[in-house]
Amino acid sequence: NGAGKTTLFNCVSRLYTPSSGDLLFEGRSIIKSTPHHVAALG
């Protein structure tokens, strides 16, 4: 508990914006995407 698992989920689904770093989906950065945009991406 408290290890950061749900926080990571919230970053990938774009509910949170990470303080640094990047998120790549199929080789494409989604760090600036909105939650509804990543849903449309798959």
Full PDB file with SEQRES, HELIX, SHEET, SSBOND, CRYST1, ORIGX, SCALE, CONECT and MASTER records, all heavy atoms in Angstrom:
SEQRES   1 A   42  ASN GLY ALA GLY LYS THR THR LEU PHE ASN CYS VAL SER          
SEQRES   2 A   42  ARG LEU TYR THR PRO SER SER GLY ASP LEU LEU PHE GLU          
SEQRES   3 A   42  GLY ARG SER ILE ILE LYS SER THR PRO HIS HIS VAL ALA          
SEQRES   4 A   42  ALA LEU GLY                                                  
HELIX    1 AA1 LYS A    5  VAL A   12  1                                   8    
HELIX    2 AA2 PRO A   35  LEU A   41  1                                   7    
SHEET    1 AA1 2 LEU A  24  PHE A  25  0                                        
SHEET    2 AA1 2 ARG A  28  SER A  29 -1                                        
CRYST1    1.000    1.000    1.000  90.00  90.00  90.00 P 1           1          
ORIGX1      1.000000  0.000000  0.000000        0.00000                         
ORIGX2      0.000000  1.000000  0.000000        0.00000                         
ORIGX3      0.000000  0.000000  1.000000        0.00000                         
SCALE1      1.000000  0.000000  0.000000        0.00000                         
SCALE2      0.000000  1.000000  0.000000        0.00000                         
SCALE3      0.000000  0.000000  1.000000        0.00000                         
ATOM      1  N   ASN A   1       0.837  -1.202   0.000  1.00  0.00           N  
ATOM      2  CA  ASN A   1       0.000   0.000   0.000  1.00  0.00           C  
ATOM      3  C   ASN A   1       0.870   1.249   0.000  1.00  0.00           C  
ATOM      4  O   ASN A   1       1.863   1.330   0.723  1.00  0.00           O  
ATOM      5  CB  ASN A   1      -0.916   0.022   1.235  1.00  0.00           C  
ATOM      6  CG  ASN A   1      -2.046  -0.977   1.140  1.00  0.00           C  
ATOM      7  OD1 ASN A   1      -2.503  -1.304   0.058  1.00  0.00           O  
ATOM      8  ND2 ASN A   1      -2.501  -1.468   2.286  1.00  0.00           N  
ATOM      9  N   GLY A   2       0.490   2.224  -0.837  1.00  0.00           N  
ATOM     10  CA  GLY A   2       1.267   3.457  -0.918  1.00  0.00           C  
ATOM     11  C   GLY A   2       2.483   3.381  -1.808  1.00  0.00           C  
ATOM     12  O   GLY A   2       3.280   4.324  -1.853  1.00  0.00           O  
ATOM     13  N   ALA A   3       2.625   2.279  -2.564  1.00  0.00           N  
ATOM     14  CA  ALA A   3       3.808   2.116  -3.411  1.00  0.00           C  
ATOM     15  C   ALA A   3       3.765   2.998  -4.652  1.00  0.00           C  
ATOM     16  O   ALA A   3       4.789   3.233  -5.292  1.00  0.00           O  
ATOM     17  CB  ALA A   3       3.960   0.648  -3.823  1.00  0.00           C  
ATOM     18  N   GLY A   4       2.565   3.480  -5.044  1.00  0.00           N  
ATOM     19  CA  GLY A   4       2.451   4.341  -6.219  1.00  0.00           C  
ATOM     20  C   GLY A   4       1.718   3.726  -7.388  1.00  0.00           C  
ATOM     21  O   GLY A   4       1.696   4.288  -8.485  1.00  0.00           O  
ATOM     22  N   LYS A   5       1.061   2.588  -7.175  1.00  0.00           N  
ATOM     23  CA  LYS A   5       0.436   1.859  -8.279  1.00  0.00           C  
ATOM     24  C   LYS A   5      -0.717   2.639  -8.903  1.00  0.00           C  
ATOM     25  O   LYS A   5      -0.765   2.825 -10.126  1.00  0.00           O  
ATOM     26  CB  LYS A   5      -0.055   0.486  -7.787  1.00  0.00           C  
ATOM     27  CG  LYS A   5       1.018  -0.364  -7.139  1.00  0.00           C  
ATOM     28  CD  LYS A   5       0.486  -1.709  -6.686  1.00  0.00           C  
ATOM     29  CE  LYS A   5      -0.563  -1.606  -5.597  1.00  0.00           C  
ATOM     30  NZ  LYS A   5      -0.045  -1.030  -4.331  1.00  0.00           N  
ATOM     31  N   THR A   6      -1.661   3.104  -8.082  1.00  0.00           N  
ATOM     32  CA  THR A   6      -2.800   3.849  -8.614  1.00  0.00           C  
ATOM     33  C   THR A   6      -2.356   5.207  -9.151  1.00  0.00           C  
ATOM     34  O   THR A   6      -2.915   5.703 -10.139  1.00  0.00           O  
ATOM     35  CB  THR A   6      -3.886   4.010  -7.539  1.00  0.00           C  
ATOM     36  OG1 THR A   6      -4.375   2.710  -7.165  1.00  0.00           O  
ATOM     37  CG2 THR A   6      -5.054   4.836  -8.059  1.00  0.00           C  
ATOM     38  N   THR A   7      -1.347   5.804  -8.545  1.00  0.00           N  
ATOM     39  CA  THR A   7      -0.803   7.058  -9.076  1.00  0.00           C  
ATOM     40  C   THR A   7      -0.274   6.846 -10.487  1.00  0.00           C  
ATOM     41  O   THR A   7      -0.506   7.666 -11.381  1.00  0.00           O  
ATOM     42  CB  THR A   7       0.328   7.584  -8.169  1.00  0.00           C  
ATOM     43  OG1 THR A   7      -0.200   7.859  -6.873  1.00  0.00           O  
ATOM     44  CG2 THR A   7       0.941   8.846  -8.737  1.00  0.00           C  
ATOM     45  N   LEU A   8       0.398   5.718 -10.711  1.00  0.00           N  
ATOM     46  CA  LEU A   8       0.896   5.422 -12.053  1.00  0.00           C  
ATOM     47  C   LEU A   8      -0.265   5.253 -13.030  1.00  0.00           C  
ATOM     48  O   LEU A   8      -0.220   5.763 -14.158  1.00  0.00           O  
ATOM     49  CB  LEU A   8       1.770   4.162 -12.028  1.00  0.00           C  
ATOM     50  CG  LEU A   8       2.543   3.860 -13.314  1.00  0.00           C  
ATOM     51  CD1 LEU A   8       3.897   3.231 -12.985  1.00  0.00           C  
ATOM     52  CD2 LEU A   8       1.765   2.923 -14.233  1.00  0.00           C  
ATOM     53  N   PHE A   9      -1.316   4.555 -12.598  1.00  0.00           N  
ATOM     54  CA  PHE A   9      -2.510   4.419 -13.440  1.00  0.00           C  
ATOM     55  C   PHE A   9      -3.058   5.783 -13.816  1.00  0.00           C  
ATOM     56  O   PHE A   9      -3.422   6.033 -14.970  1.00  0.00           O  
ATOM     57  CB  PHE A   9      -3.587   3.631 -12.677  1.00  0.00           C  
ATOM     58  CG  PHE A   9      -3.677   2.186 -13.060  1.00  0.00           C  
ATOM     59  CD1 PHE A   9      -2.543   1.469 -13.391  1.00  0.00           C  
ATOM     60  CD2 PHE A   9      -4.899   1.533 -13.078  1.00  0.00           C  
ATOM     61  CE1 PHE A   9      -2.626   0.130 -13.738  1.00  0.00           C  
ATOM     62  CE2 PHE A   9      -4.999   0.205 -13.425  1.00  0.00           C  
ATOM     63  CZ  PHE A   9      -3.855  -0.498 -13.755  1.00  0.00           C  
ATOM     64  N   ASN A  10      -3.147   6.665 -12.826  1.00  0.00           N  
ATOM     65  CA  ASN A  10      -3.709   7.990 -13.084  1.00  0.00           C  
ATOM     66  C   ASN A  10      -2.831   8.822 -14.005  1.00  0.00           C  
ATOM     67  O   ASN A  10      -3.330   9.699 -14.717  1.00  0.00           O  
ATOM     68  CB  ASN A  10      -3.941   8.722 -11.762  1.00  0.00           C  
ATOM     69  CG  ASN A  10      -5.105   8.149 -10.978  1.00  0.00           C  
ATOM     70  OD1 ASN A  10      -5.989   7.505 -11.538  1.00  0.00           O  
ATOM     71  ND2 ASN A  10      -5.108   8.370  -9.671  1.00  0.00           N  
ATOM     72  N   CYS A  11      -1.542   8.550 -14.018  1.00  0.00           N  
ATOM     73  CA  CYS A  11      -0.653   9.223 -14.971  1.00  0.00           C  
ATOM     74  C   CYS A  11      -0.883   8.696 -16.388  1.00  0.00           C  
ATOM     75  O   CYS A  11      -1.009   9.475 -17.336  1.00  0.00           O  
ATOM     76  CB  CYS A  11       0.810   9.030 -14.565  1.00  0.00           C  
ATOM     77  SG  CYS A  11       1.328   9.963 -13.105  1.00  0.00           S  
ATOM     78  N   VAL A  12      -0.944   7.372 -16.521  1.00  0.00           N  
ATOM     79  CA  VAL A  12      -1.123   6.775 -17.850  1.00  0.00           C  
ATOM     80  C   VAL A  12      -2.473   7.156 -18.448  1.00  0.00           C  
ATOM     81  O   VAL A  12      -2.576   7.433 -19.650  1.00  0.00           O  
ATOM     82  CB  VAL A  12      -0.974   5.239 -17.782  1.00  0.00           C  
ATOM     83  CG1 VAL A  12      -1.261   4.607 -19.148  1.00  0.00           C  
ATOM     84  CG2 VAL A  12       0.430   4.849 -17.325  1.00  0.00           C  
ATOM     85  N   SER A  13      -3.513   7.197 -17.624  1.00  0.00           N  
ATOM     86  CA  SER A  13      -4.843   7.569 -18.132  1.00  0.00           C  
ATOM     87  C   SER A  13      -5.037   9.076 -18.178  1.00  0.00           C  
ATOM     88  O   SER A  13      -6.108   9.547 -18.541  1.00  0.00           O  
ATOM     89  CB  SER A  13      -5.940   6.915 -17.300  1.00  0.00           C  
ATOM     90  OG  SER A  13      -5.843   7.281 -15.939  1.00  0.00           O  
ATOM     91  N   ARG A  14      -4.007   9.824 -17.813  1.00  0.00           N  
ATOM     92  CA  ARG A  14      -3.913  11.282 -17.945  1.00  0.00           C  
ATOM     93  C   ARG A  14      -4.817  12.043 -16.993  1.00  0.00           C  
ATOM     94  O   ARG A  14      -5.169  13.189 -17.247  1.00  0.00           O  
ATOM     95  CB  ARG A  14      -4.153  11.715 -19.401  1.00  0.00           C  
ATOM     96  CG  ARG A  14      -3.202  11.049 -20.415  1.00  0.00           C  
ATOM     97  CD  ARG A  14      -1.695  11.204 -20.083  1.00  0.00           C  
ATOM     98  NE  ARG A  14      -1.353  12.605 -19.978  1.00  0.00           N  
ATOM     99  CZ  ARG A  14      -1.032  13.207 -18.833  1.00  0.00           C  
ATOM    100  NH1 ARG A  14      -0.943  12.524 -17.707  1.00  0.00           N  
ATOM    101  NH2 ARG A  14      -0.762  14.487 -18.822  1.00  0.00           N  
ATOM    102  N   LEU A  15      -5.182  11.407 -15.869  1.00  0.00           N  
ATOM    103  CA  LEU A  15      -5.842  12.142 -14.796  1.00  0.00           C  
ATOM    104  C   LEU A  15      -4.823  12.988 -14.045  1.00  0.00           C  
ATOM    105  O   LEU A  15      -5.156  14.031 -13.502  1.00  0.00           O  
ATOM    106  CB  LEU A  15      -6.544  11.176 -13.842  1.00  0.00           C  
ATOM    107  CG  LEU A  15      -7.695  10.358 -14.438  1.00  0.00           C  
ATOM    108  CD1 LEU A  15      -8.259   9.402 -13.395  1.00  0.00           C  
ATOM    109  CD2 LEU A  15      -8.794  11.274 -14.967  1.00  0.00           C  
ATOM    110  N   TYR A  16      -3.565  12.505 -13.987  1.00  0.00           N  
ATOM    111  CA  TYR A  16      -2.459  13.264 -13.419  1.00  0.00           C  
ATOM    112  C   TYR A  16      -1.454  13.576 -14.516  1.00  0.00           C  
ATOM    113  O   TYR A  16      -1.288  12.781 -15.454  1.00  0.00           O  
ATOM    114  CB  TYR A  16      -1.721  12.466 -12.339  1.00  0.00           C  
ATOM    115  CG  TYR A  16      -2.488  12.158 -11.086  1.00  0.00           C  
ATOM    116  CD1 TYR A  16      -2.008  11.189 -10.198  1.00  0.00           C  
ATOM    117  CD2 TYR A  16      -3.670  12.816 -10.753  1.00  0.00           C  
ATOM    118  CE1 TYR A  16      -2.688  10.884  -9.027  1.00  0.00           C  
ATOM    119  CE2 TYR A  16      -4.355  12.513  -9.587  1.00  0.00           C  
ATOM    120  CZ  TYR A  16      -3.854  11.538  -8.729  1.00  0.00           C  
ATOM    121  OH  TYR A  16      -4.532  11.235  -7.578  1.00  0.00           O  
ATOM    122  N   THR A  17      -0.796  14.709 -14.398  1.00  0.00           N  
ATOM    123  CA  THR A  17       0.325  15.037 -15.280  1.00  0.00           C  
ATOM    124  C   THR A  17       1.615  14.896 -14.486  1.00  0.00           C  
ATOM    125  O   THR A  17       1.802  15.592 -13.477  1.00  0.00           O  
ATOM    126  CB  THR A  17       0.212  16.472 -15.821  1.00  0.00           C  
ATOM    127  OG1 THR A  17      -0.973  16.568 -16.622  1.00  0.00           O  
ATOM    128  CG2 THR A  17       1.421  16.827 -16.688  1.00  0.00           C  
ATOM    129  N   PRO A  18       2.505  13.997 -14.876  1.00  0.00           N  
ATOM    130  CA  PRO A  18       3.745  13.790 -14.130  1.00  0.00           C  
ATOM    131  C   PRO A  18       4.577  15.066 -14.038  1.00  0.00           C  
ATOM    132  O   PRO A  18       4.545  15.917 -14.933  1.00  0.00           O  
ATOM    133  CB  PRO A  18       4.486  12.718 -14.939  1.00  0.00           C  
ATOM    134  CG  PRO A  18       3.418  12.032 -15.718  1.00  0.00           C  
ATOM    135  CD  PRO A  18       2.395  13.078 -16.024  1.00  0.00           C  
ATOM    136  N   SER A  19       5.316  15.187 -12.945  1.00  0.00           N  
ATOM    137  CA  SER A  19       6.180  16.347 -12.743  1.00  0.00           C  
ATOM    138  C   SER A  19       7.326  16.367 -13.741  1.00  0.00           C  
ATOM    139  O   SER A  19       7.830  17.432 -14.110  1.00  0.00           O  
ATOM    140  CB  SER A  19       6.739  16.336 -11.316  1.00  0.00           C  
ATOM    141  OG  SER A  19       5.704  16.153 -10.368  1.00  0.00           O  
ATOM    142  N   SER A  20       7.760  15.189 -14.187  1.00  0.00           N  
ATOM    143  CA  SER A  20       8.813  15.086 -15.208  1.00  0.00           C  
ATOM    144  C   SER A  20       8.706  13.714 -15.850  1.00  0.00           C  
ATOM    145  O   SER A  20       7.985  12.842 -15.376  1.00  0.00           O  
ATOM    146  CB  SER A  20      10.201  15.297 -14.584  1.00  0.00           C  
ATOM    147  OG  SER A  20      10.477  14.295 -13.626  1.00  0.00           O  
ATOM    148  N   GLY A  21       9.448  13.543 -16.946  1.00  0.00           N  
ATOM    149  CA  GLY A  21       9.422  12.262 -17.648  1.00  0.00           C  
ATOM    150  C   GLY A  21       8.440  12.275 -18.810  1.00  0.00           C  
ATOM    151  O   GLY A  21       7.883  13.318 -19.171  1.00  0.00           O  
ATOM    152  N   ASP A  22       8.206  11.095 -19.388  1.00  0.00           N  
ATOM    153  CA  ASP A  22       7.335  10.996 -20.554  1.00  0.00           C  
ATOM    154  C   ASP A  22       6.573   9.683 -20.504  1.00  0.00           C  
ATOM    155  O   ASP A  22       6.955   8.735 -19.804  1.00  0.00           O  
ATOM    156  CB  ASP A  22       8.170  11.072 -21.842  1.00  0.00           C  
ATOM    157  CG  ASP A  22       7.356  11.577 -23.032  1.00  0.00           C  
ATOM    158  OD1 ASP A  22       6.123  11.724 -22.890  1.00  0.00           O  
ATOM    159  OD2 ASP A  22       7.961  11.828 -24.089  1.00  0.00           O  
ATOM    160  N   LEU A  23       5.486   9.634 -21.253  1.00  0.00           N  
ATOM    161  CA  LEU A  23       4.666   8.438 -21.418  1.00  0.00           C  
ATOM    162  C   LEU A  23       4.522   8.173 -22.905  1.00  0.00           C  
ATOM    163  O   LEU A  23       4.048   9.042 -23.639  1.00  0.00           O  
ATOM    164  CB  LEU A  23       3.281   8.651 -20.800  1.00  0.00           C  
ATOM    165  CG  LEU A  23       3.209   8.765 -19.283  1.00  0.00           C  
ATOM    166  CD1 LEU A  23       1.925   9.468 -18.864  1.00  0.00           C  
ATOM    167  CD2 LEU A  23       3.270   7.392 -18.647  1.00  0.00           C  
ATOM    168  N   LEU A  24       4.942   6.987 -23.340  1.00  0.00           N  
ATOM    169  CA  LEU A  24       4.875   6.651 -24.755  1.00  0.00           C  
ATOM    170  C   LEU A  24       3.863   5.536 -24.971  1.00  0.00           C  
ATOM    171  O   LEU A  24       3.906   4.502 -24.297  1.00  0.00           O  
ATOM    172  CB  LEU A  24       6.243   6.208 -25.278  1.00  0.00           C  
ATOM    173  CG  LEU A  24       7.398   7.206 -25.124  1.00  0.00           C  
ATOM    174  CD1 LEU A  24       8.680   6.612 -25.687  1.00  0.00           C  
ATOM    175  CD2 LEU A  24       7.064   8.518 -25.819  1.00  0.00           C  
ATOM    176  N   PHE A  25       2.956   5.754 -25.906  1.00  0.00           N  
ATOM    177  CA  PHE A  25       1.975   4.748 -26.290  1.00  0.00           C  
ATOM    178  C   PHE A  25       2.131   4.489 -27.780  1.00  0.00           C  
ATOM    179  O   PHE A  25       1.960   5.400 -28.589  1.00  0.00           O  
ATOM    180  CB  PHE A  25       0.551   5.232 -25.968  1.00  0.00           C  
ATOM    181  CG  PHE A  25      -0.521   4.243 -26.311  1.00  0.00           C  
ATOM    182  CD1 PHE A  25      -0.559   3.000 -25.706  1.00  0.00           C  
ATOM    183  CD2 PHE A  25      -1.512   4.545 -27.233  1.00  0.00           C  
ATOM    184  CE1 PHE A  25      -1.557   2.082 -25.994  1.00  0.00           C  
ATOM    185  CE2 PHE A  25      -2.509   3.639 -27.544  1.00  0.00           C  
ATOM    186  CZ  PHE A  25      -2.535   2.405 -26.927  1.00  0.00           C  
ATOM    187  N   GLU A  26       2.499   3.247 -28.133  1.00  0.00           N  
ATOM    188  CA  GLU A  26       2.806   2.895 -29.515  1.00  0.00           C  
ATOM    189  C   GLU A  26       3.854   3.848 -30.103  1.00  0.00           C  
ATOM    190  O   GLU A  26       3.756   4.275 -31.248  1.00  0.00           O  
ATOM    191  CB  GLU A  26       1.534   2.877 -30.371  1.00  0.00           C  
ATOM    192  CG  GLU A  26       0.537   1.818 -29.897  1.00  0.00           C  
ATOM    193  CD  GLU A  26      -0.686   1.720 -30.793  1.00  0.00           C  
ATOM    194  OE1 GLU A  26      -1.152   2.772 -31.294  1.00  0.00           O  
ATOM    195  OE2 GLU A  26      -1.174   0.594 -31.006  1.00  0.00           O  
ATOM    196  N   GLY A  27       4.848   4.199 -29.278  1.00  0.00           N  
ATOM    197  CA  GLY A  27       5.949   5.043 -29.722  1.00  0.00           C  
ATOM    198  C   GLY A  27       5.662   6.527 -29.758  1.00  0.00           C  
ATOM    199  O   GLY A  27       6.529   7.324 -30.126  1.00  0.00           O  
ATOM    200  N   ARG A  28       4.471   6.918 -29.333  1.00  0.00           N  
ATOM    201  CA  ARG A  28       4.059   8.314 -29.425  1.00  0.00           C  
ATOM    202  C   ARG A  28       3.814   8.885 -28.027  1.00  0.00           C  
ATOM    203  O   ARG A  28       3.148   8.253 -27.195  1.00  0.00           O  
ATOM    204  CB  ARG A  28       2.769   8.386 -30.255  1.00  0.00           C  
ATOM    205  CG  ARG A  28       2.078   9.734 -30.298  1.00  0.00           C  
ATOM    206  CD  ARG A  28       0.801   9.589 -31.106  1.00  0.00           C  
ATOM    207  NE  ARG A  28      -0.018  10.792 -31.068  1.00  0.00           N  
ATOM    208  CZ  ARG A  28      -1.221  10.883 -31.613  1.00  0.00           C  
ATOM    209  NH1 ARG A  28      -1.747   9.838 -32.224  1.00  0.00           N  
ATOM    210  NH2 ARG A  28      -1.903  12.008 -31.548  1.00  0.00           N  
ATOM    211  N   SER A  29       4.339  10.078 -27.762  1.00  0.00           N  
ATOM    212  CA  SER A  29       4.157  10.690 -26.455  1.00  0.00           C  
ATOM    213  C   SER A  29       2.698  11.075 -26.245  1.00  0.00           C  
ATOM    214  O   SER A  29       2.060  11.662 -27.119  1.00  0.00           O  
ATOM    215  CB  SER A  29       5.035  11.939 -26.315  1.00  0.00           C  
ATOM    216  OG  SER A  29       4.766  12.587 -25.088  1.00  0.00           O  
ATOM    217  N   ILE A  30       2.177  10.731 -25.066  1.00  0.00           N  
ATOM    218  CA  ILE A  30       0.808  11.126 -24.714  1.00  0.00           C  
ATOM    219  C   ILE A  30       0.821  12.044 -23.496  1.00  0.00           C  
ATOM    220  O   ILE A  30      -0.220  12.263 -22.882  1.00  0.00           O  
ATOM    221  CB  ILE A  30      -0.082   9.888 -24.449  1.00  0.00           C  
ATOM    222  CG1 ILE A  30       0.482   9.043 -23.291  1.00  0.00           C  
ATOM    223  CG2 ILE A  30      -0.254   9.062 -25.715  1.00  0.00           C  
ATOM    224  CD1 ILE A  30      -0.474   7.953 -22.816  1.00  0.00           C  
ATOM    225  N   ILE A  31       1.974  12.575 -23.156  1.00  0.00           N  
ATOM    226  CA  ILE A  31       2.118  13.356 -21.932  1.00  0.00           C  
ATOM    227  C   ILE A  31       1.228  14.608 -21.934  1.00  0.00           C  
ATOM    228  O   ILE A  31       0.805  15.083 -20.885  1.00  0.00           O  
ATOM    229  CB  ILE A  31       3.600  13.736 -21.701  1.00  0.00           C  
ATOM    230  CG1 ILE A  31       3.854  14.114 -20.230  1.00  0.00           C  
ATOM    231  CG2 ILE A  31       4.041  14.850 -22.617  1.00  0.00           C  
ATOM    232  CD1 ILE A  31       3.825  12.967 -19.296  1.00  0.00           C  
ATOM    233  N   LYS A  32       0.904  15.135 -23.121  1.00  0.00           N  
ATOM    234  CA  LYS A  32       0.071  16.332 -23.210  1.00  0.00           C  
ATOM    235  C   LYS A  32      -1.375  16.002 -23.563  1.00  0.00           C  
ATOM    236  O   LYS A  32      -2.190  16.902 -23.775  1.00  0.00           O  
ATOM    237  CB  LYS A  32       0.656  17.305 -24.234  1.00  0.00           C  
ATOM    238  CG  LYS A  32       2.022  17.863 -23.842  1.00  0.00           C  
ATOM    239  CD  LYS A  32       2.542  18.857 -24.875  1.00  0.00           C  
ATOM    240  CE  LYS A  32       3.904  19.413 -24.459  1.00  0.00           C  
ATOM    241  NZ  LYS A  32       4.438  20.371 -25.463  1.00  0.00           N  
ATOM    242  N   SER A  33      -1.695  14.726 -23.640  1.00  0.00           N  
ATOM    243  CA  SER A  33      -3.044  14.316 -24.018  1.00  0.00           C  
ATOM    244  C   SER A  33      -4.003  14.462 -22.846  1.00  0.00           C  
ATOM    245  O   SER A  33      -3.623  14.366 -21.675  1.00  0.00           O  
ATOM    246  CB  SER A  33      -3.047  12.864 -24.495  1.00  0.00           C  
ATOM    247  OG  SER A  33      -2.250  12.705 -25.644  1.00  0.00           O  
ATOM    248  N   THR A  34      -5.269  14.678 -23.149  1.00  0.00           N  
ATOM    249  CA  THR A  34      -6.323  14.732 -22.141  1.00  0.00           C  
ATOM    250  C   THR A  34      -6.889  13.326 -21.922  1.00  0.00           C  
ATOM    251  O   THR A  34      -6.693  12.438 -22.760  1.00  0.00           O  
ATOM    252  CB  THR A  34      -7.443  15.667 -22.608  1.00  0.00           C  
ATOM    253  OG1 THR A  34      -7.958  15.168 -23.855  1.00  0.00           O  
ATOM    254  CG2 THR A  34      -6.925  17.093 -22.805  1.00  0.00           C  
ATOM    255  N   PRO A  35      -7.619  13.100 -20.815  1.00  0.00           N  
ATOM    256  CA  PRO A  35      -8.192  11.767 -20.591  1.00  0.00           C  
ATOM    257  C   PRO A  35      -9.083  11.285 -21.731  1.00  0.00           C  
ATOM    258  O   PRO A  35      -9.012  10.125 -22.124  1.00  0.00           O  
ATOM    259  CB  PRO A  35      -8.994  11.960 -19.288  1.00  0.00           C  
ATOM    260  CG  PRO A  35      -8.260  13.037 -18.560  1.00  0.00           C  
ATOM    261  CD  PRO A  35      -7.796  13.981 -19.643  1.00  0.00           C  
ATOM    262  N   HIS A  36      -9.934  12.180 -22.294  1.00  0.00           N  
ATOM    263  CA  HIS A  36     -10.808  11.718 -23.382  1.00  0.00           C  
ATOM    264  C   HIS A  36     -10.011  11.438 -24.647  1.00  0.00           C  
ATOM    265  O   HIS A  36     -10.398  10.596 -25.464  1.00  0.00           O  
ATOM    266  CB  HIS A  36     -11.928  12.730 -23.647  1.00  0.00           C  
ATOM    267  CG  HIS A  36     -11.501  13.994 -24.314  1.00  0.00           C  
ATOM    268  ND1 HIS A  36     -11.088  15.105 -23.611  1.00  0.00           N  
ATOM    269  CD2 HIS A  36     -11.415  14.335 -25.628  1.00  0.00           C  
ATOM    270  CE1 HIS A  36     -10.783  16.074 -24.458  1.00  0.00           C  
ATOM    271  NE2 HIS A  36     -10.967  15.638 -25.677  1.00  0.00           N  
ATOM    272  N   HIS A  37      -8.868  12.111 -24.813  1.00  0.00           N  
ATOM    273  CA  HIS A  37      -8.030  11.854 -25.988  1.00  0.00           C  
ATOM    274  C   HIS A  37      -7.368  10.490 -25.897  1.00  0.00           C  
ATOM    275  O   HIS A  37      -7.319   9.746 -26.878  1.00  0.00           O  
ATOM    276  CB  HIS A  37      -6.977  12.958 -26.133  1.00  0.00           C  
ATOM    277  CG  HIS A  37      -6.138  12.821 -27.370  1.00  0.00           C  
ATOM    278  ND1 HIS A  37      -4.788  13.112 -27.396  1.00  0.00           N  
ATOM    279  CD2 HIS A  37      -6.452  12.403 -28.627  1.00  0.00           C  
ATOM    280  CE1 HIS A  37      -4.310  12.881 -28.610  1.00  0.00           C  
ATOM    281  NE2 HIS A  37      -5.305  12.458 -29.372  1.00  0.00           N  
ATOM    282  N   VAL A  38      -6.844  10.131 -24.710  1.00  0.00           N  
ATOM    283  CA  VAL A  38      -6.191   8.819 -24.599  1.00  0.00           C  
ATOM    284  C   VAL A  38      -7.213   7.696 -24.720  1.00  0.00           C  
ATOM    285  O   VAL A  38      -6.895   6.615 -25.211  1.00  0.00           O  
ATOM    286  CB  VAL A  38      -5.365   8.680 -23.303  1.00  0.00           C  
ATOM    287  CG1 VAL A  38      -4.208   9.656 -23.280  1.00  0.00           C  
ATOM    288  CG2 VAL A  38      -6.221   8.815 -22.062  1.00  0.00           C  
ATOM    289  N   ALA A  39      -8.467   7.964 -24.296  1.00  0.00           N  
ATOM    290  CA  ALA A  39      -9.516   6.962 -24.492  1.00  0.00           C  
ATOM    291  C   ALA A  39      -9.747   6.726 -25.979  1.00  0.00           C  
ATOM    292  O   ALA A  39      -9.903   5.583 -26.430  1.00  0.00           O  
ATOM    293  CB  ALA A  39     -10.808   7.410 -23.815  1.00  0.00           C  
ATOM    294  N   ALA A  40      -9.724   7.809 -26.767  1.00  0.00           N  
ATOM    295  CA  ALA A  40      -9.902   7.679 -28.212  1.00  0.00           C  
ATOM    296  C   ALA A  40      -8.699   6.994 -28.860  1.00  0.00           C  
ATOM    297  O   ALA A  40      -8.841   6.308 -29.884  1.00  0.00           O  
ATOM    298  CB  ALA A  40     -10.111   9.060 -28.827  1.00  0.00           C  
ATOM    299  N   LEU A  41      -7.515   7.149 -28.271  1.00  0.00           N  
ATOM    300  CA  LEU A  41      -6.316   6.483 -28.790  1.00  0.00           C  
ATOM    301  C   LEU A  41      -6.347   4.982 -28.537  1.00  0.00           C  
ATOM    302  O   LEU A  41      -5.658   4.219 -29.212  1.00  0.00           O  
ATOM    303  CB  LEU A  41      -5.053   7.075 -28.155  1.00  0.00           C  
ATOM    304  CG  LEU A  41      -4.652   8.482 -28.585  1.00  0.00           C  
ATOM    305  CD1 LEU A  41      -3.432   8.940 -27.775  1.00  0.00           C  
ATOM    306  CD2 LEU A  41      -4.332   8.528 -30.083  1.00  0.00           C  
ATOM    307  N   GLY A  42      -7.129   4.551 -27.530  1.00  0.00           N  
ATOM    308  CA  GLY A  42      -7.228   3.121 -27.250  1.00  0.00           C  
ATOM    309  C   GLY A  42      -6.745   2.715 -25.876  1.00  0.00           C  
ATOM    310  O   GLY A  42      -6.302   1.579 -25.687  1.00  0.00           O  
TER     311      GLY A  42                                                      
MASTER        0    0    0    2    2    0    0    6  310    1    0    4          
END                                                                             
